[in-house]
Amino acid sequence: MTNYVLTYSGGAGMADTPEAQEKAMAEWGAWFGAIGGSLVEGGNPFGASRTVHADGSATDSGDSALTGFSVVSAPDLAAAADLAKGCPILNAGGKVEVYEAIPM
C-alpha cells in the first residue's frame, strides 16, 4: 500500500455558526469513518500563508488556494482518487487533488 496526500481547495470556507460547524464536522467524521482503515491521517484545515520567492522575499499569500489536507493509504492512484469521491468539500463546491507520497 502507498500513501497519498489529498489536498483540498475551494469550498464554502469555515462555517459561521456553531450548528453549521457541528454539521460540517459530522460530515467529515462520517466520510473518515466510511474510508475506515485507509485513513492514515485526518490532517488539518489551512489558515494564513506566506509565499517565499527565489530572491528570499516573502509575501502574504492572501486566501491560499489550498484549504487543507488528509493522508490515505491505497493500492494505487486510482483507488486513492476513488476514496476522495466522498469528500465533503466536493458538496461545497471545492475540489480534491490526490498526490502519491513517494517514500524517501
PDB file of N, CA and C in Angstrom:
ATOM      1  N   MET A   1       0.850  -1.180   0.000  1.00  0.00           N
ATOM      2  CA  MET A   1       0.000   0.000   0.000  1.00  0.00           C
ATOM      3  C   MET A   1       0.895   1.242   0.000  1.00  0.00           C
ATOM      4  N   THR A   2       0.392   2.256  -0.644  1.00  0.00           N
ATOM      5  CA  THR A   2       1.110   3.516  -0.779  1.00  0.00           C
ATOM      6  C   THR A   2       0.290   4.616  -0.123  1.00  0.00           C
ATOM      7  N   ASN A   3       0.982   5.613   0.435  1.00  0.00           N
ATOM      8  CA  ASN A   3       0.282   6.768   0.991  1.00  0.00           C
ATOM      9  C   ASN A   3       0.053   7.809  -0.094  1.00  0.00           C
ATOM     10  N   TYR A   4      -1.100   8.458   0.005  1.00  0.00           N
ATOM     11  CA  TYR A   4      -1.473   9.532  -0.916  1.00  0.00           C
ATOM     12  C   TYR A   4      -1.934  10.726  -0.101  1.00  0.00           C
ATOM     13  N   VAL A   5      -1.503  11.912  -0.517  1.00  0.00           N
ATOM     14  CA  VAL A   5      -1.912  13.143   0.140  1.00  0.00           C
ATOM     15  C   VAL A   5      -3.084  13.722  -0.639  1.00  0.00           C
ATOM     16  N   LEU A   6      -4.174  13.962   0.056  1.00  0.00           N
ATOM     17  CA  LEU A   6      -5.334  14.623  -0.539  1.00  0.00           C
ATOM     18  C   LEU A   6      -5.249  16.085  -0.147  1.00  0.00           C
ATOM     19  N   THR A   7      -5.194  16.966  -1.133  1.00  0.00           N
ATOM     20  CA  THR A   7      -5.204  18.398  -0.827  1.00  0.00           C
ATOM     21  C   THR A   7      -6.557  18.953  -1.226  1.00  0.00           C
ATOM     22  N   TYR A   8      -7.058  19.847  -0.379  1.00  0.00           N
ATOM     23  CA  TYR A   8      -8.380  20.430  -0.584  1.00  0.00           C
ATOM     24  C   TYR A   8      -8.241  21.888  -0.974  1.00  0.00           C
ATOM     25  N   SER A   9      -9.113  22.328  -1.868  1.00  0.00           N
ATOM     26  CA  SER A   9      -9.170  23.751  -2.218  1.00  0.00           C
ATOM     27  C   SER A   9     -10.617  24.123  -2.493  1.00  0.00           C
ATOM     28  N   GLY A  10     -10.887  25.409  -2.317  1.00  0.00           N
ATOM     29  CA  GLY A  10     -12.243  25.899  -2.551  1.00  0.00           C
ATOM     30  C   GLY A  10     -13.185  25.469  -1.448  1.00  0.00           C
ATOM     31  N   GLY A  11     -14.445  25.427  -1.789  1.00  0.00           N
ATOM     32  CA  GLY A  11     -15.454  25.073  -0.802  1.00  0.00           C
ATOM     33  C   GLY A  11     -16.071  26.307  -0.191  1.00  0.00           C
ATOM     34  N   ALA A  12     -16.901  26.088   0.791  1.00  0.00           N
ATOM     35  CA  ALA A  12     -17.653  27.177   1.398  1.00  0.00           C
ATOM     36  C   ALA A  12     -16.892  27.893   2.504  1.00  0.00           C
ATOM     37  N   GLY A  13     -15.732  27.390   2.884  1.00  0.00           N
ATOM     38  CA  GLY A  13     -14.982  28.005   3.977  1.00  0.00           C
ATOM     39  C   GLY A  13     -15.520  27.565   5.322  1.00  0.00           C
ATOM     40  N   MET A  14     -14.989  28.180   6.366  1.00  0.00           N
ATOM     41  CA  MET A  14     -15.377  27.826   7.726  1.00  0.00           C
ATOM     42  C   MET A  14     -16.819  28.240   7.988  1.00  0.00           C
ATOM     43  N   ALA A  15     -17.602  27.318   8.505  1.00  0.00           N
ATOM     44  CA  ALA A  15     -18.999  27.605   8.852  1.00  0.00           C
ATOM     45  C   ALA A  15     -19.041  28.693   9.922  1.00  0.00           C
ATOM     46  N   ASP A  16     -20.054  29.549   9.868  1.00  0.00           N
ATOM     47  CA  ASP A  16     -20.067  30.700  10.761  1.00  0.00           C
ATOM     48  C   ASP A  16     -20.966  30.566  11.986  1.00  0.00           C
ATOM     49  N   THR A  17     -21.666  29.463  12.157  1.00  0.00           N
ATOM     50  CA  THR A  17     -22.452  29.258  13.371  1.00  0.00           C
ATOM     51  C   THR A  17     -22.015  27.935  14.009  1.00  0.00           C
ATOM     52  N   PRO A  18     -22.171  27.827  15.314  1.00  0.00           N
ATOM     53  CA  PRO A  18     -21.807  26.561  15.967  1.00  0.00           C
ATOM     54  C   PRO A  18     -22.580  25.366  15.392  1.00  0.00           C
ATOM     55  N   GLU A  19     -23.828  25.569  15.034  1.00  0.00           N
ATOM     56  CA  GLU A  19     -24.624  24.488  14.470  1.00  0.00           C
ATOM     57  C   GLU A  19     -24.072  24.045  13.125  1.00  0.00           C
ATOM     58  N   ALA A  20     -23.716  25.009  12.278  1.00  0.00           N
ATOM     59  CA  ALA A  20     -23.161  24.697  10.961  1.00  0.00           C
ATOM     60  C   ALA A  20     -21.788  24.034  11.096  1.00  0.00           C
ATOM     61  N   GLN A  21     -21.000  24.484  12.066  1.00  0.00           N
ATOM     62  CA  GLN A  21     -19.694  23.871  12.302  1.00  0.00           C
ATOM     63  C   GLN A  21     -19.861  22.421  12.752  1.00  0.00           C
ATOM     64  N   GLU A  22     -20.828  22.188  13.636  1.00  0.00           N
ATOM     65  CA  GLU A  22     -21.084  20.834  14.112  1.00  0.00           C
ATOM     66  C   GLU A  22     -21.538  19.931  12.966  1.00  0.00           C
ATOM     67  N   LYS A  23     -22.383  20.462  12.081  1.00  0.00           N
ATOM     68  CA  LYS A  23     -22.854  19.693  10.925  1.00  0.00           C
ATOM     69  C   LYS A  23     -21.682  19.347  10.002  1.00  0.00           C
ATOM     70  N   ALA A  24     -20.816  20.334   9.746  1.00  0.00           N
ATOM     71  CA  ALA A  24     -19.655  20.102   8.884  1.00  0.00           C
ATOM     72  C   ALA A  24     -18.730  19.051   9.492  1.00  0.00           C
ATOM     73  N   MET A  25     -18.472  19.140  10.784  1.00  0.00           N
ATOM     74  CA  MET A  25     -17.600  18.172  11.441  1.00  0.00           C
ATOM     75  C   MET A  25     -18.207  16.774  11.390  1.00  0.00           C
ATOM     76  N   ALA A  26     -19.538  16.688  11.507  1.00  0.00           N
ATOM     77  CA  ALA A  26     -20.210  15.383  11.408  1.00  0.00           C
ATOM     78  C   ALA A  26     -20.052  14.795  10.011  1.00  0.00           C
ATOM     79  N   GLU A  27     -20.129  15.650   8.972  1.00  0.00           N
ATOM     80  CA  GLU A  27     -19.951  15.176   7.598  1.00  0.00           C
ATOM     81  C   GLU A  27     -18.533  14.652   7.385  1.00  0.00           C
ATOM     82  N   TRP A  28     -17.538  15.389   7.886  1.00  0.00           N
ATOM     83  CA  TRP A  28     -16.154  14.942   7.755  1.00  0.00           C
ATOM     84  C   TRP A  28     -15.938  13.654   8.542  1.00  0.00           C
ATOM     85  N   GLY A  29     -16.496  13.577   9.745  1.00  0.00           N
ATOM     86  CA  GLY A  29     -16.371  12.364  10.553  1.00  0.00           C
ATOM     87  C   GLY A  29     -16.994  11.161   9.870  1.00  0.00           C
ATOM     88  N   ALA A  30     -18.150  11.368   9.242  1.00  0.00           N
ATOM     89  CA  ALA A  30     -18.821  10.272   8.530  1.00  0.00           C
ATOM     90  C   ALA A  30     -17.974   9.803   7.350  1.00  0.00           C
ATOM     91  N   TRP A  31     -17.381  10.746   6.616  1.00  0.00           N
ATOM     92  CA  TRP A  31     -16.538  10.362   5.483  1.00  0.00           C
ATOM     93  C   TRP A  31     -15.295   9.620   5.968  1.00  0.00           C
ATOM     94  N   PHE A  32     -14.639  10.141   7.006  1.00  0.00           N
ATOM     95  CA  PHE A  32     -13.470   9.452   7.557  1.00  0.00           C
ATOM     96  C   PHE A  32     -13.857   8.045   7.999  1.00  0.00           C
ATOM     97  N   GLY A  33     -15.028   7.898   8.607  1.00  0.00           N
ATOM     98  CA  GLY A  33     -15.496   6.584   9.016  1.00  0.00           C
ATOM     99  C   GLY A  33     -15.732   5.670   7.828  1.00  0.00           C
ATOM    100  N   ALA A  34     -16.255   6.227   6.741  1.00  0.00           N
ATOM    101  CA  ALA A  34     -16.544   5.431   5.549  1.00  0.00           C
ATOM    102  C   ALA A  34     -15.276   4.908   4.881  1.00  0.00           C
ATOM    103  N   ILE A  35     -14.191   5.686   4.937  1.00  0.00           N
ATOM    104  CA  ILE A  35     -12.956   5.210   4.305  1.00  0.00           C
ATOM    105  C   ILE A  35     -12.135   4.350   5.275  1.00  0.00           C
ATOM    106  N   GLY A  36     -12.545   4.333   6.534  1.00  0.00           N
ATOM    107  CA  GLY A  36     -12.023   3.401   7.526  1.00  0.00           C
ATOM    108  C   GLY A  36     -10.518   3.327   7.625  1.00  0.00           C
ATOM    109  N   GLY A  37      -9.993   2.110   7.513  1.00  0.00           N
ATOM    110  CA  GLY A  37      -8.575   1.852   7.685  1.00  0.00           C
ATOM    111  C   GLY A  37      -7.691   2.475   6.627  1.00  0.00           C
ATOM    112  N   SER A  38      -8.284   3.015   5.563  1.00  0.00           N
ATOM    113  CA  SER A  38      -7.482   3.700   4.539  1.00  0.00           C
ATOM    114  C   SER A  38      -6.997   5.059   5.011  1.00  0.00           C
ATOM    115  N   LEU A  39      -7.645   5.602   6.051  1.00  0.00           N
ATOM    116  CA  LEU A  39      -7.256   6.917   6.562  1.00  0.00           C
ATOM    117  C   LEU A  39      -5.988   6.785   7.393  1.00  0.00           C
ATOM    118  N   VAL A  40      -4.915   7.429   6.944  1.00  0.00           N
ATOM    119  CA  VAL A  40      -3.645   7.419   7.655  1.00  0.00           C
ATOM    120  C   VAL A  40      -3.605   8.595   8.618  1.00  0.00           C
ATOM    121  N   GLU A  41      -4.019   9.762   8.143  1.00  0.00           N
ATOM    122  CA  GLU A  41      -4.037  10.987   8.949  1.00  0.00           C
ATOM    123  C   GLU A  41      -5.176  11.866   8.462  1.00  0.00           C
ATOM    124  N   GLY A  42      -6.029  12.278   9.390  1.00  0.00           N
ATOM    125  CA  GLY A  42      -7.151  13.146   9.038  1.00  0.00           C
ATOM    126  C   GLY A  42      -6.705  14.499   8.530  1.00  0.00           C
ATOM    127  N   GLY A  43      -5.516  14.927   8.956  1.00  0.00           N
ATOM    128  CA  GLY A  43      -4.979  16.211   8.503  1.00  0.00           C
ATOM    129  C   GLY A  43      -5.580  17.382   9.239  1.00  0.00           C
ATOM    130  N   ASN A  44      -5.526  18.540   8.594  1.00  0.00           N
ATOM    131  CA  ASN A  44      -5.997  19.780   9.182  1.00  0.00           C
ATOM    132  C   ASN A  44      -6.409  20.741   8.095  1.00  0.00           C
ATOM    133  N   PRO A  45      -7.277  21.698   8.458  1.00  0.00           N
ATOM    134  CA  PRO A  45      -7.503  22.812   7.534  1.00  0.00           C
ATOM    135  C   PRO A  45      -6.293  23.745   7.586  1.00  0.00           C
ATOM    136  N   PHE A  46      -6.126  24.540   6.550  1.00  0.00           N
ATOM    137  CA  PHE A  46      -5.039  25.514   6.498  1.00  0.00           C
ATOM    138  C   PHE A  46      -5.564  26.894   6.832  1.00  0.00           C
ATOM    139  N   GLY A  47      -4.700  27.704   7.422  1.00  0.00           N
ATOM    140  CA  GLY A  47      -5.013  29.097   7.720  1.00  0.00           C
ATOM    141  C   GLY A  47      -4.209  30.021   6.818  1.00  0.00           C
ATOM    142  N   ALA A  48      -3.769  31.116   7.388  1.00  0.00           N
ATOM    143  CA  ALA A  48      -2.997  32.117   6.641  1.00  0.00           C
ATOM    144  C   ALA A  48      -1.716  31.494   6.088  1.00  0.00           C
ATOM    145  N   SER A  49      -1.214  32.062   4.996  1.00  0.00           N
ATOM    146  CA  SER A  49       0.002  31.538   4.390  1.00  0.00           C
ATOM    147  C   SER A  49       0.885  32.672   3.875  1.00  0.00           C
ATOM    148  N   ARG A  50       2.151  32.334   3.653  1.00  0.00           N
ATOM    149  CA  ARG A  50       3.108  33.259   3.045  1.00  0.00           C
ATOM    150  C   ARG A  50       3.782  32.542   1.896  1.00  0.00           C
ATOM    151  N   THR A  51       4.113  33.289   0.865  1.00  0.00           N
ATOM    152  CA  THR A  51       4.831  32.757  -0.281  1.00  0.00           C
ATOM    153  C   THR A  51       6.273  33.248  -0.203  1.00  0.00           C
ATOM    154  N   VAL A  52       7.231  32.318  -0.257  1.00  0.00           N
ATOM    155  CA  VAL A  52       8.645  32.663  -0.254  1.00  0.00           C
ATOM    156  C   VAL A  52       9.131  32.585  -1.692  1.00  0.00           C
ATOM    157  N   HIS A  53       9.764  33.661  -2.149  1.00  0.00           N
ATOM    158  CA  HIS A  53      10.219  33.781  -3.537  1.00  0.00           C
ATOM    159  C   HIS A  53      11.709  33.442  -3.653  1.00  0.00           C
ATOM    160  N   ALA A  54      12.163  33.171  -4.870  1.00  0.00           N
ATOM    161  CA  ALA A  54      13.547  32.773  -5.128  1.00  0.00           C
ATOM    162  C   ALA A  54      14.552  33.805  -4.615  1.00  0.00           C
ATOM    163  N   ASP A  55      14.168  35.088  -4.602  1.00  0.00           N
ATOM    164  CA  ASP A  55      15.093  36.128  -4.140  1.00  0.00           C
ATOM    165  C   ASP A  55      15.122  36.236  -2.617  1.00  0.00           C
ATOM    166  N   GLY A  56      14.366  35.373  -1.919  1.00  0.00           N
ATOM    167  CA  GLY A  56      14.349  35.379  -0.461  1.00  0.00           C
ATOM    168  C   GLY A  56      13.244  36.219   0.142  1.00  0.00           C
ATOM    169  N   SER A  57      12.585  37.016  -0.668  1.00  0.00           N
ATOM    170  CA  SER A  57      11.494  37.821  -0.138  1.00  0.00           C
ATOM    171  C   SER A  57      10.291  36.935   0.138  1.00  0.00           C
ATOM    172  N   ALA A  58       9.411  37.404   1.009  1.00  0.00           N
ATOM    173  CA  ALA A  58       8.198  36.665   1.343  1.00  0.00           C
ATOM    174  C   ALA A  58       7.024  37.624   1.352  1.00  0.00           C
ATOM    175  N   THR A  59       5.912  37.165   0.828  1.00  0.00           N
ATOM    176  CA  THR A  59       4.703  37.988   0.781  1.00  0.00           C
ATOM    177  C   THR A  59       3.535  37.189   1.327  1.00  0.00           C
ATOM    178  N   ASP A  60       2.553  37.915   1.867  1.00  0.00           N
ATOM    179  CA  ASP A  60       1.337  37.241   2.302  1.00  0.00           C
ATOM    180  C   ASP A  60       0.652  36.661   1.077  1.00  0.00           C
ATOM    181  N   SER A  61       0.169  35.443   1.220  1.00  0.00           N
ATOM    182  CA  SER A  61      -0.473  34.786   0.093  1.00  0.00           C
ATOM    183  C   SER A  61      -1.945  35.147  -0.025  1.00  0.00           C
ATOM    184  N   GLY A  62      -2.482  35.785   1.009  1.00  0.00           N
ATOM    185  CA  GLY A  62      -3.911  36.089   0.980  1.00  0.00           C
ATOM    186  C   GLY A  62      -4.693  34.804   1.146  1.00  0.00           C
ATOM    187  N   ASP A  63      -5.790  34.678   0.453  1.00  0.00           N
ATOM    188  CA  ASP A  63      -6.573  33.448   0.518  1.00  0.00           C
ATOM    189  C   ASP A  63      -5.829  32.368  -0.245  1.00  0.00           C
ATOM    190  N   SER A  64      -5.273  31.449   0.503  1.00  0.00           N
ATOM    191  CA  SER A  64      -4.499  30.371  -0.108  1.00  0.00           C
ATOM    192  C   SER A  64      -5.392  29.515  -0.988  1.00  0.00           C
ATOM    193  N   ALA A  65      -4.828  29.044  -2.072  1.00  0.00           N
ATOM    194  CA  ALA A  65      -5.578  28.141  -2.943  1.00  0.00           C
ATOM    195  C   ALA A  65      -5.866  26.823  -2.228  1.00  0.00           C
ATOM    196  N   LEU A  66      -4.965  26.402  -1.348  1.00  0.00           N
ATOM    197  CA  LEU A  66      -5.163  25.165  -0.605  1.00  0.00           C
ATOM    198  C   LEU A  66      -5.859  25.468   0.714  1.00  0.00           C
ATOM    199  N   THR A  67      -6.822  24.621   1.072  1.00  0.00           N
ATOM    200  CA  THR A  67      -7.568  24.858   2.304  1.00  0.00           C
ATOM    201  C   THR A  67      -7.369  23.756   3.337  1.00  0.00           C
ATOM    202  N   GLY A  68      -6.664  22.671   2.986  1.00  0.00           N
ATOM    203  CA  GLY A  68      -6.409  21.622   3.952  1.00  0.00           C
ATOM    204  C   GLY A  68      -5.860  20.374   3.303  1.00  0.00           C
ATOM    205  N   PHE A  69      -5.646  19.326   4.123  1.00  0.00           N
ATOM    206  CA  PHE A  69      -5.098  18.078   3.608  1.00  0.00           C
ATOM    207  C   PHE A  69      -5.510  16.908   4.483  1.00  0.00           C
ATOM    208  N   SER A  70      -5.403  15.714   3.932  1.00  0.00           N
ATOM    209  CA  SER A  70      -5.501  14.443   4.645  1.00  0.00           C
ATOM    210  C   SER A  70      -4.553  13.475   3.958  1.00  0.00           C
ATOM    211  N   VAL A  71      -4.263  12.361   4.616  1.00  0.00           N
ATOM    212  CA  VAL A  71      -3.420  11.323   4.034  1.00  0.00           C
ATOM    213  C   VAL A  71      -4.178  10.002   4.097  1.00  0.00           C
ATOM    214  N   VAL A  72      -4.203   9.300   2.969  1.00  0.00           N
ATOM    215  CA  VAL A  72      -4.847   7.991   2.895  1.00  0.00           C
ATOM    216  C   VAL A  72      -3.849   6.964   2.366  1.00  0.00           C
ATOM    217  N   SER A  73      -4.163   5.702   2.574  1.00  0.00           N
ATOM    218  CA  SER A  73      -3.363   4.605   2.044  1.00  0.00           C
ATOM    219  C   SER A  73      -4.232   3.846   1.044  1.00  0.00           C
ATOM    220  N   ALA A  74      -3.645   3.527  -0.104  1.00  0.00           N
ATOM    221  CA  ALA A  74      -4.391   2.831  -1.154  1.00  0.00           C
ATOM    222  C   ALA A  74      -3.412   2.037  -2.018  1.00  0.00           C
ATOM    223  N   PRO A  75      -3.925   1.048  -2.755  1.00  0.00           N
ATOM    224  CA  PRO A  75      -3.036   0.242  -3.600  1.00  0.00           C
ATOM    225  C   PRO A  75      -2.491   0.996  -4.811  1.00  0.00           C
ATOM    226  N   ASP A  76      -3.225   2.023  -5.285  1.00  0.00           N
ATOM    227  CA  ASP A  76      -2.752   2.795  -6.436  1.00  0.00           C
ATOM    228  C   ASP A  76      -3.472   4.146  -6.474  1.00  0.00           C
ATOM    229  N   LEU A  77      -3.043   4.991  -7.401  1.00  0.00           N
ATOM    230  CA  LEU A  77      -3.587   6.344  -7.518  1.00  0.00           C
ATOM    231  C   LEU A  77      -5.086   6.328  -7.812  1.00  0.00           C
ATOM    232  N   ALA A  78      -5.521   5.415  -8.663  1.00  0.00           N
ATOM    233  CA  ALA A  78      -6.947   5.336  -8.998  1.00  0.00           C
ATOM    234  C   ALA A  78      -7.781   5.012  -7.763  1.00  0.00           C
ATOM    235  N   ALA A  79      -7.308   4.091  -6.935  1.00  0.00           N
ATOM    236  CA  ALA A  79      -8.034   3.725  -5.717  1.00  0.00           C
ATOM    237  C   ALA A  79      -8.060   4.894  -4.737  1.00  0.00           C
ATOM    238  N   ALA A  80      -6.950   5.629  -4.639  1.00  0.00           N
ATOM    239  CA  ALA A  80      -6.912   6.800  -3.754  1.00  0.00           C
ATOM    240  C   ALA A  80      -7.898   7.858  -4.240  1.00  0.00           C
ATOM    241  N   ALA A  81      -7.969   8.064  -5.550  1.00  0.00           N
ATOM    242  CA  ALA A  81      -8.923   9.033  -6.110  1.00  0.00           C
ATOM    243  C   ALA A  81     -10.360   8.587  -5.848  1.00  0.00           C
ATOM    244  N   ASP A  82     -10.617   7.275  -5.886  1.00  0.00           N
ATOM    245  CA  ASP A  82     -11.958   6.773  -5.567  1.00  0.00           C
ATOM    246  C   ASP A  82     -12.327   7.098  -4.124  1.00  0.00           C
ATOM    247  N   LEU A  83     -11.366   6.986  -3.201  1.00  0.00           N
ATOM    248  CA  LEU A  83     -11.629   7.336  -1.803  1.00  0.00           C
ATOM    249  C   LEU A  83     -12.023   8.801  -1.673  1.00  0.00           C
ATOM    250  N   ALA A  84     -11.417   9.654  -2.488  1.00  0.00           N
ATOM    251  CA  ALA A  84     -11.664  11.099  -2.409  1.00  0.00           C
ATOM    252  C   ALA A  84     -13.053  11.493  -2.902  1.00  0.00           C
ATOM    253  N   LYS A  85     -13.709  10.625  -3.647  1.00  0.00           N
ATOM    254  CA  LYS A  85     -15.004  10.977  -4.230  1.00  0.00           C
ATOM    255  C   LYS A  85     -16.072  11.286  -3.197  1.00  0.00           C
ATOM    256  N   GLY A  86     -15.930  10.792  -1.977  1.00  0.00           N
ATOM    257  CA  GLY A  86     -16.918  11.060  -0.940  1.00  0.00           C
ATOM    258  C   GLY A  86     -16.585  12.243  -0.054  1.00  0.00           C
ATOM    259  N   CYS A  87     -15.526  12.968  -0.356  1.00  0.00           N
ATOM    260  CA  CYS A  87     -15.080  14.069   0.493  1.00  0.00           C
ATOM    261  C   CYS A  87     -16.138  15.175   0.583  1.00  0.00           C
ATOM    262  N   PRO A  88     -16.460  15.632   1.792  1.00  0.00           N
ATOM    263  CA  PRO A  88     -17.483  16.663   1.969  1.00  0.00           C
ATOM    264  C   PRO A  88     -17.200  17.985   1.252  1.00  0.00           C
ATOM    265  N   ILE A  89     -15.936  18.297   1.008  1.00  0.00           N
ATOM    266  CA  ILE A  89     -15.637  19.580   0.351  1.00  0.00           C
ATOM    267  C   ILE A  89     -16.201  19.615  -1.064  1.00  0.00           C
ATOM    268  N   LEU A  90     -16.380  18.449  -1.670  1.00  0.00           N
ATOM    269  CA  LEU A  90     -16.928  18.393  -3.025  1.00  0.00           C
ATOM    270  C   LEU A  90     -18.375  18.899  -3.053  1.00  0.00           C
ATOM    271  N   ASN A  91     -19.129  18.615  -1.994  1.00  0.00           N
ATOM    272  CA  ASN A  91     -20.517  19.090  -1.907  1.00  0.00           C
ATOM    273  C   ASN A  91     -20.606  20.588  -1.675  1.00  0.00           C
ATOM    274  N   ALA A  92     -19.484  21.193  -1.270  1.00  0.00           N
ATOM    275  CA  ALA A  92     -19.452  22.632  -1.006  1.00  0.00           C
ATOM    276  C   ALA A  92     -18.800  23.392  -2.161  1.00  0.00           C
ATOM    277  N   GLY A  93     -18.634  22.729  -3.310  1.00  0.00           N
ATOM    278  CA  GLY A  93     -18.058  23.399  -4.474  1.00  0.00           C
ATOM    279  C   GLY A  93     -16.547  23.365  -4.541  1.00  0.00           C
ATOM    280  N   GLY A  94     -15.904  22.637  -3.637  1.00  0.00           N
ATOM    281  CA  GLY A  94     -14.453  22.551  -3.642  1.00  0.00           C
ATOM    282  C   GLY A  94     -13.957  21.401  -4.491  1.00  0.00           C
ATOM    283  N   LYS A  95     -12.654  21.182  -4.431  1.00  0.00           N
ATOM    284  CA  LYS A  95     -12.064  20.065  -5.173  1.00  0.00           C
ATOM    285  C   LYS A  95     -10.990  19.397  -4.335  1.00  0.00           C
ATOM    286  N   VAL A  96     -10.671  18.170  -4.725  1.00  0.00           N
ATOM    287  CA  VAL A  96      -9.637  17.382  -4.066  1.00  0.00           C
ATOM    288  C   VAL A  96      -8.610  16.985  -5.114  1.00  0.00           C
ATOM    289  N   GLU A  97      -7.343  17.225  -4.808  1.00  0.00           N
ATOM    290  CA  GLU A  97      -6.268  16.732  -5.663  1.00  0.00           C
ATOM    291  C   GLU A  97      -5.565  15.627  -4.901  1.00  0.00           C
ATOM    292  N   VAL A  98      -5.183  14.567  -5.608  1.00  0.00           N
ATOM    293  CA  VAL A  98      -4.597  13.388  -4.990  1.00  0.00           C
ATOM    294  C   VAL A  98      -3.164  13.248  -5.492  1.00  0.00           C
ATOM    295  N   TYR A  99      -2.215  13.177  -4.542  1.00  0.00           N
ATOM    296  CA  TYR A  99      -0.797  13.069  -4.874  1.00  0.00           C
ATOM    297  C   TYR A  99      -0.199  11.830  -4.221  1.00  0.00           C
ATOM    298  N   GLU A 100       0.576  11.087  -4.972  1.00  0.00           N
ATOM    299  CA  GLU A 100       1.319   9.983  -4.381  1.00  0.00           C
ATOM    300  C   GLU A 100       2.444  10.558  -3.512  1.00  0.00           C
ATOM    301  N   ALA A 101       2.562  10.046  -2.285  1.00  0.00           N
ATOM    302  CA  ALA A 101       3.660  10.438  -1.405  1.00  0.00           C
ATOM    303  C   ALA A 101       4.782   9.430  -1.611  1.00  0.00           C
ATOM    304  N   ILE A 102       5.858   9.865  -2.218  1.00  0.00           N
ATOM    305  CA  ILE A 102       6.952   8.966  -2.570  1.00  0.00           C
ATOM    306  C   ILE A 102       7.882   8.806  -1.368  1.00  0.00           C
ATOM    307  N   PRO A 103       8.038   7.573  -0.886  1.00  0.00           N
ATOM    308  CA  PRO A 103       8.916   7.357   0.280  1.00  0.00           C
ATOM    309  C   PRO A 103      10.362   7.702  -0.061  1.00  0.00           C
ATOM    310  N   MET A 104      11.043   8.265   0.892  1.00  0.00           N
ATOM    311  CA  MET A 104      12.454   8.635   0.706  1.00  0.00           C
ATOM    312  C   MET A 104      13.290   7.866   1.709  1.00  0.00           C
TER     313      MET A 104
END
